[in-house]
Amino acid sequence: QLQLVESGGALVQPGGSLRLSCAASGFTLDYYTIGWFRQAPGKQRELVARIVGGGSTNYADSVKGRFTISRDRAMRTSYLQMHDLKPEDTAVYYCSARYGSEQVWGQGTQVTVSS
């Protein structure tokens, strides 16, 4: 069974940093497009960052220069490194792996940015 499990969400003060992890089980991430999404209360889920199989990355304008998406060498885990966090970054963060018509989602991890 293909599964993704996110971790690393927490309460952090504005200006702080967090690293989210997305661990894959039942498959490796080599050929998958990995996306980190977030959904704030009352808002639609939005794409935050994406890394494709070849390693190219894309970011939402709101996080460019602050967030970095990556994968480990074993292609088992994706990371979202977040710096200079702002209250508007508060959301449930989800990772997703997509290959063709196949898409796997994690259960989400809560990030709250507040003083």
N, C-alpha and C. Protein backbone atom coordinates (compact mmCIF):
# COMPACT_ATOMS: atom_id res chain seq x y z
N GLN A 1 0.86 -1.20 0.00
CA GLN A 1 0.00 0.00 0.00
C GLN A 1 0.89 1.24 0.00
N LEU A 2 0.56 2.19 -0.87
CA LEU A 2 1.34 3.41 -0.97
C LEU A 2 0.85 4.40 0.06
N GLN A 3 1.79 4.92 0.85
CA GLN A 3 1.42 5.88 1.89
C GLN A 3 2.45 6.99 1.99
N LEU A 4 1.96 8.17 2.39
CA LEU A 4 2.81 9.29 2.72
C LEU A 4 2.45 9.75 4.13
N VAL A 5 3.45 10.02 4.93
CA VAL A 5 3.22 10.47 6.29
C VAL A 5 4.02 11.74 6.54
N GLU A 6 3.30 12.84 6.83
CA GLU A 6 3.95 14.10 7.12
C GLU A 6 4.25 14.21 8.62
N SER A 7 5.27 14.98 8.93
CA SER A 7 5.60 15.28 10.33
C SER A 7 6.36 16.60 10.37
N GLY A 8 6.48 17.14 11.58
CA GLY A 8 7.27 18.35 11.76
C GLY A 8 6.48 19.60 12.02
N GLY A 9 5.16 19.53 11.88
CA GLY A 9 4.35 20.71 12.15
C GLY A 9 4.40 21.09 13.62
N ALA A 10 4.27 22.39 13.88
CA ALA A 10 4.36 22.86 15.26
C ALA A 10 3.84 24.29 15.35
N LEU A 11 3.80 24.78 16.58
CA LEU A 11 3.54 26.19 16.84
C LEU A 11 4.89 26.91 16.85
N VAL A 12 5.00 27.96 16.06
CA VAL A 12 6.27 28.69 15.97
C VAL A 12 5.99 30.18 15.93
N GLN A 13 6.92 30.96 16.45
CA GLN A 13 6.74 32.41 16.44
C GLN A 13 7.04 32.99 15.06
N PRO A 14 6.46 34.13 14.75
CA PRO A 14 6.80 34.81 13.48
C PRO A 14 8.31 35.00 13.37
N GLY A 15 8.82 34.75 12.15
CA GLY A 15 10.25 34.83 11.93
C GLY A 15 10.99 33.53 12.18
N GLY A 16 10.30 32.56 12.73
CA GLY A 16 10.93 31.28 13.02
C GLY A 16 11.03 30.37 11.83
N SER A 17 11.57 29.18 12.07
CA SER A 17 11.79 28.19 11.01
C SER A 17 11.23 26.83 11.43
N LEU A 18 10.86 26.05 10.45
CA LEU A 18 10.43 24.67 10.64
C LEU A 18 10.87 23.86 9.45
N ARG A 19 11.07 22.57 9.67
CA ARG A 19 11.28 21.66 8.56
C ARG A 19 10.23 20.56 8.64
N LEU A 20 9.43 20.47 7.59
CA LEU A 20 8.44 19.41 7.47
C LEU A 20 9.03 18.24 6.71
N SER A 21 8.62 17.04 7.10
CA SER A 21 9.07 15.83 6.42
C SER A 21 7.87 15.07 5.87
N CYS A 22 8.10 14.38 4.78
CA CYS A 22 7.07 13.56 4.14
C CYS A 22 7.71 12.24 3.80
N ALA A 23 7.38 11.21 4.57
CA ALA A 23 8.00 9.90 4.39
C ALA A 23 7.10 9.00 3.57
N ALA A 24 7.69 8.38 2.55
CA ALA A 24 6.96 7.46 1.68
C ALA A 24 7.15 6.03 2.15
N SER A 25 6.09 5.26 2.11
CA SER A 25 6.20 3.83 2.36
C SER A 25 5.47 3.08 1.27
N GLY A 26 6.05 1.95 0.87
CA GLY A 26 5.45 1.17 -0.20
C GLY A 26 5.91 1.58 -1.58
N PHE A 27 6.69 2.66 -1.66
CA PHE A 27 7.21 3.11 -2.94
C PHE A 27 8.34 4.10 -2.70
N THR A 28 9.08 4.41 -3.76
CA THR A 28 10.09 5.46 -3.68
C THR A 28 9.66 6.61 -4.59
N LEU A 29 10.26 7.76 -4.32
CA LEU A 29 9.78 8.99 -4.94
C LEU A 29 10.48 9.35 -6.25
N ASP A 30 11.32 8.44 -6.75
CA ASP A 30 12.18 8.75 -7.89
C ASP A 30 11.47 9.43 -9.06
N TYR A 31 10.39 8.83 -9.51
CA TYR A 31 9.75 9.31 -10.74
C TYR A 31 8.49 10.13 -10.47
N TYR A 32 8.25 10.39 -9.20
CA TYR A 32 7.04 11.11 -8.84
C TYR A 32 7.28 12.61 -8.79
N THR A 33 6.26 13.35 -9.12
CA THR A 33 6.25 14.78 -8.83
C THR A 33 5.73 14.94 -7.41
N ILE A 34 6.53 15.58 -6.58
CA ILE A 34 6.17 15.75 -5.18
C ILE A 34 5.72 17.19 -4.96
N GLY A 35 4.56 17.34 -4.37
CA GLY A 35 4.07 18.67 -4.08
C GLY A 35 3.77 18.83 -2.61
N TRP A 36 4.08 20.00 -2.10
CA TRP A 36 3.63 20.38 -0.77
C TRP A 36 2.52 21.40 -0.95
N PHE A 37 1.41 21.12 -0.32
CA PHE A 37 0.23 21.98 -0.38
C PHE A 37 -0.09 22.45 1.04
N ARG A 38 -0.93 23.47 1.12
CA ARG A 38 -1.41 23.89 2.43
C ARG A 38 -2.85 24.36 2.31
N GLN A 39 -3.55 24.22 3.41
CA GLN A 39 -4.95 24.66 3.45
C GLN A 39 -5.20 25.35 4.78
N ALA A 40 -5.53 26.63 4.69
CA ALA A 40 -5.88 27.40 5.87
C ALA A 40 -7.38 27.33 6.08
N PRO A 41 -7.86 27.55 7.30
CA PRO A 41 -9.31 27.49 7.56
C PRO A 41 -10.08 28.43 6.62
N GLY A 42 -11.11 27.88 6.01
CA GLY A 42 -11.96 28.67 5.14
C GLY A 42 -11.37 28.98 3.77
N LYS A 43 -10.20 28.41 3.49
CA LYS A 43 -9.56 28.68 2.20
C LYS A 43 -9.36 27.39 1.42
N GLN A 44 -9.13 27.55 0.13
CA GLN A 44 -8.88 26.38 -0.71
C GLN A 44 -7.44 25.89 -0.50
N ARG A 45 -7.25 24.62 -0.76
CA ARG A 45 -5.90 24.07 -0.71
C ARG A 45 -5.08 24.68 -1.84
N GLU A 46 -3.85 25.08 -1.52
CA GLU A 46 -3.00 25.70 -2.53
C GLU A 46 -1.65 25.01 -2.59
N LEU A 47 -1.08 25.02 -3.78
CA LEU A 47 0.26 24.46 -3.97
C LEU A 47 1.29 25.44 -3.45
N VAL A 48 2.19 24.94 -2.61
CA VAL A 48 3.24 25.77 -2.03
C VAL A 48 4.56 25.57 -2.76
N ALA A 49 4.90 24.31 -3.01
CA ALA A 49 6.17 23.99 -3.66
C ALA A 49 6.05 22.64 -4.34
N ARG A 50 6.85 22.46 -5.38
CA ARG A 50 6.80 21.22 -6.15
C ARG A 50 8.19 20.88 -6.63
N ILE A 51 8.49 19.59 -6.63
CA ILE A 51 9.74 19.11 -7.21
C ILE A 51 9.39 17.95 -8.13
N VAL A 52 9.90 18.02 -9.36
CA VAL A 52 9.58 16.98 -10.33
C VAL A 52 10.69 15.94 -10.34
N GLY A 53 10.47 14.86 -11.09
CA GLY A 53 11.40 13.74 -11.06
C GLY A 53 12.84 14.13 -11.34
N GLY A 54 13.03 15.05 -12.29
CA GLY A 54 14.38 15.46 -12.64
C GLY A 54 15.03 16.38 -11.63
N GLY A 55 14.25 16.87 -10.68
CA GLY A 55 14.80 17.72 -9.64
C GLY A 55 14.47 19.19 -9.74
N SER A 56 13.81 19.60 -10.81
CA SER A 56 13.41 21.01 -10.93
C SER A 56 12.35 21.34 -9.89
N THR A 57 12.39 22.58 -9.42
CA THR A 57 11.47 22.99 -8.36
C THR A 57 10.67 24.21 -8.78
N ASN A 58 9.49 24.35 -8.21
CA ASN A 58 8.64 25.52 -8.40
C ASN A 58 8.07 25.92 -7.05
N TYR A 59 7.84 27.22 -6.87
CA TYR A 59 7.31 27.72 -5.62
C TYR A 59 6.20 28.73 -5.86
N ALA A 60 5.26 28.78 -4.94
CA ALA A 60 4.27 29.84 -4.96
C ALA A 60 4.98 31.16 -4.67
N ASP A 61 4.49 32.23 -5.27
CA ASP A 61 5.13 33.53 -5.07
C ASP A 61 5.22 33.90 -3.59
N SER A 62 4.22 33.49 -2.84
CA SER A 62 4.15 33.88 -1.43
C SER A 62 5.25 33.26 -0.56
N VAL A 63 5.90 32.21 -1.07
CA VAL A 63 6.92 31.54 -0.27
C VAL A 63 8.30 31.57 -0.90
N LYS A 64 8.42 32.12 -2.09
CA LYS A 64 9.72 32.16 -2.77
C LYS A 64 10.76 32.86 -1.91
N GLY A 65 11.91 32.24 -1.82
CA GLY A 65 12.98 32.81 -1.02
C GLY A 65 12.92 32.44 0.44
N ARG A 66 11.81 31.86 0.87
CA ARG A 66 11.66 31.47 2.28
C ARG A 66 11.56 29.96 2.46
N PHE A 67 10.95 29.27 1.50
CA PHE A 67 10.73 27.82 1.59
C PHE A 67 11.62 27.11 0.57
N THR A 68 12.06 25.91 0.93
CA THR A 68 12.84 25.08 0.03
C THR A 68 12.33 23.65 0.09
N ILE A 69 12.02 23.09 -1.07
CA ILE A 69 11.58 21.70 -1.17
C ILE A 69 12.77 20.84 -1.59
N SER A 70 12.85 19.63 -1.06
CA SER A 70 13.95 18.74 -1.40
C SER A 70 13.52 17.29 -1.19
N ARG A 71 14.40 16.38 -1.66
CA ARG A 71 14.21 14.95 -1.45
C ARG A 71 15.52 14.38 -0.93
N ASP A 72 15.45 13.30 -0.17
CA ASP A 72 16.70 12.69 0.26
C ASP A 72 17.23 11.77 -0.83
N ARG A 73 18.50 11.36 -0.68
CA ARG A 73 19.15 10.54 -1.72
C ARG A 73 18.46 9.20 -1.90
N ALA A 74 17.90 8.69 -0.84
CA ALA A 74 17.23 7.39 -0.92
C ALA A 74 15.87 7.48 -1.58
N MET A 75 15.43 8.71 -1.86
CA MET A 75 14.12 8.94 -2.50
C MET A 75 12.99 8.36 -1.66
N ARG A 76 13.17 8.46 -0.35
CA ARG A 76 12.12 7.97 0.54
C ARG A 76 11.41 9.11 1.27
N THR A 77 12.06 10.25 1.33
CA THR A 77 11.52 11.35 2.12
C THR A 77 11.67 12.67 1.37
N SER A 78 10.62 13.47 1.43
CA SER A 78 10.68 14.84 0.92
C SER A 78 10.64 15.78 2.12
N TYR A 79 11.28 16.93 1.95
CA TYR A 79 11.33 17.92 3.01
C TYR A 79 10.82 19.27 2.50
N LEU A 80 10.23 20.02 3.41
CA LEU A 80 9.91 21.41 3.13
C LEU A 80 10.54 22.23 4.24
N GLN A 81 11.64 22.90 3.91
CA GLN A 81 12.31 23.76 4.87
C GLN A 81 11.68 25.14 4.79
N MET A 82 11.23 25.65 5.92
CA MET A 82 10.52 26.92 5.94
C MET A 82 11.25 27.90 6.86
N HIS A 83 11.58 29.07 6.34
CA HIS A 83 12.23 30.12 7.12
C HIS A 83 11.36 31.37 7.12
N ASP A 84 11.65 32.26 8.06
CA ASP A 84 10.96 33.55 8.15
C ASP A 84 9.45 33.37 8.08
N LEU A 85 8.96 32.48 8.91
CA LEU A 85 7.54 32.17 8.87
C LEU A 85 6.69 33.36 9.31
N LYS A 86 5.53 33.46 8.68
CA LYS A 86 4.60 34.56 8.91
C LYS A 86 3.26 34.00 9.38
N PRO A 87 2.47 34.80 10.06
CA PRO A 87 1.16 34.30 10.50
C PRO A 87 0.32 33.76 9.34
N GLU A 88 0.47 34.34 8.17
CA GLU A 88 -0.31 33.88 7.02
C GLU A 88 0.16 32.53 6.49
N ASP A 89 1.25 32.00 7.02
CA ASP A 89 1.67 30.65 6.67
C ASP A 89 0.95 29.59 7.49
N THR A 90 0.16 30.03 8.44
CA THR A 90 -0.59 29.09 9.27
C THR A 90 -1.56 28.28 8.43
N ALA A 91 -1.47 26.96 8.52
CA ALA A 91 -2.30 26.07 7.71
C ALA A 91 -1.98 24.62 8.05
N VAL A 92 -2.79 23.74 7.53
CA VAL A 92 -2.43 22.32 7.52
C VAL A 92 -1.65 22.09 6.22
N TYR A 93 -0.48 21.49 6.37
CA TYR A 93 0.40 21.25 5.22
C TYR A 93 0.31 19.77 4.83
N TYR A 94 0.13 19.54 3.55
CA TYR A 94 0.01 18.20 3.00
C TYR A 94 1.09 17.96 1.96
N CYS A 95 1.58 16.74 1.90
CA CYS A 95 2.43 16.39 0.77
C CYS A 95 1.67 15.44 -0.13
N SER A 96 2.07 15.45 -1.39
CA SER A 96 1.43 14.62 -2.40
C SER A 96 2.48 14.12 -3.36
N ALA A 97 2.31 12.90 -3.83
CA ALA A 97 3.19 12.33 -4.85
C ALA A 97 2.32 11.91 -6.03
N ARG A 98 2.69 12.37 -7.20
CA ARG A 98 1.88 12.08 -8.40
C ARG A 98 2.76 11.50 -9.49
N TYR A 99 2.23 10.43 -10.12
CA TYR A 99 2.90 9.83 -11.28
C TYR A 99 1.81 9.42 -12.25
N GLY A 100 1.70 10.11 -13.35
CA GLY A 100 0.62 9.84 -14.29
C GLY A 100 -0.71 10.10 -13.62
N SER A 101 -1.59 9.12 -13.67
CA SER A 101 -2.91 9.27 -13.08
C SER A 101 -2.94 8.85 -11.61
N GLU A 102 -1.81 8.41 -11.11
CA GLU A 102 -1.74 7.95 -9.72
C GLU A 102 -1.30 9.10 -8.82
N GLN A 103 -2.05 9.32 -7.75
CA GLN A 103 -1.70 10.38 -6.81
C GLN A 103 -1.94 9.89 -5.39
N VAL A 104 -0.95 10.13 -4.55
CA VAL A 104 -1.01 9.73 -3.15
C VAL A 104 -0.92 10.98 -2.30
N TRP A 105 -1.74 11.04 -1.24
CA TRP A 105 -1.74 12.18 -0.32
C TRP A 105 -1.40 11.72 1.09
N GLY A 106 -0.75 12.60 1.81
CA GLY A 106 -0.55 12.37 3.23
C GLY A 106 -1.73 12.91 4.02
N GLN A 107 -1.66 12.73 5.34
CA GLN A 107 -2.78 13.10 6.19
C GLN A 107 -2.70 14.56 6.66
N GLY A 108 -1.56 15.19 6.48
CA GLY A 108 -1.40 16.59 6.84
C GLY A 108 -0.74 16.80 8.18
N THR A 109 -0.09 17.95 8.33
CA THR A 109 0.53 18.33 9.60
C THR A 109 0.27 19.82 9.82
N GLN A 110 -0.09 20.19 11.05
CA GLN A 110 -0.50 21.55 11.35
C GLN A 110 0.72 22.44 11.62
N VAL A 111 0.75 23.57 10.93
CA VAL A 111 1.74 24.61 11.20
C VAL A 111 0.99 25.85 11.66
N THR A 112 1.34 26.34 12.83
CA THR A 112 0.73 27.55 13.37
C THR A 112 1.82 28.56 13.67
N VAL A 113 1.68 29.74 13.08
CA VAL A 113 2.66 30.81 13.28
C VAL A 113 1.98 31.90 14.07
N SER A 114 2.40 32.06 15.31
CA SER A 114 1.74 33.01 16.20
C SER A 114 2.68 33.37 17.33
N SER A 115 2.54 34.62 17.79
CA SER A 115 3.31 35.04 18.96
C SER A 115 2.50 34.84 20.23
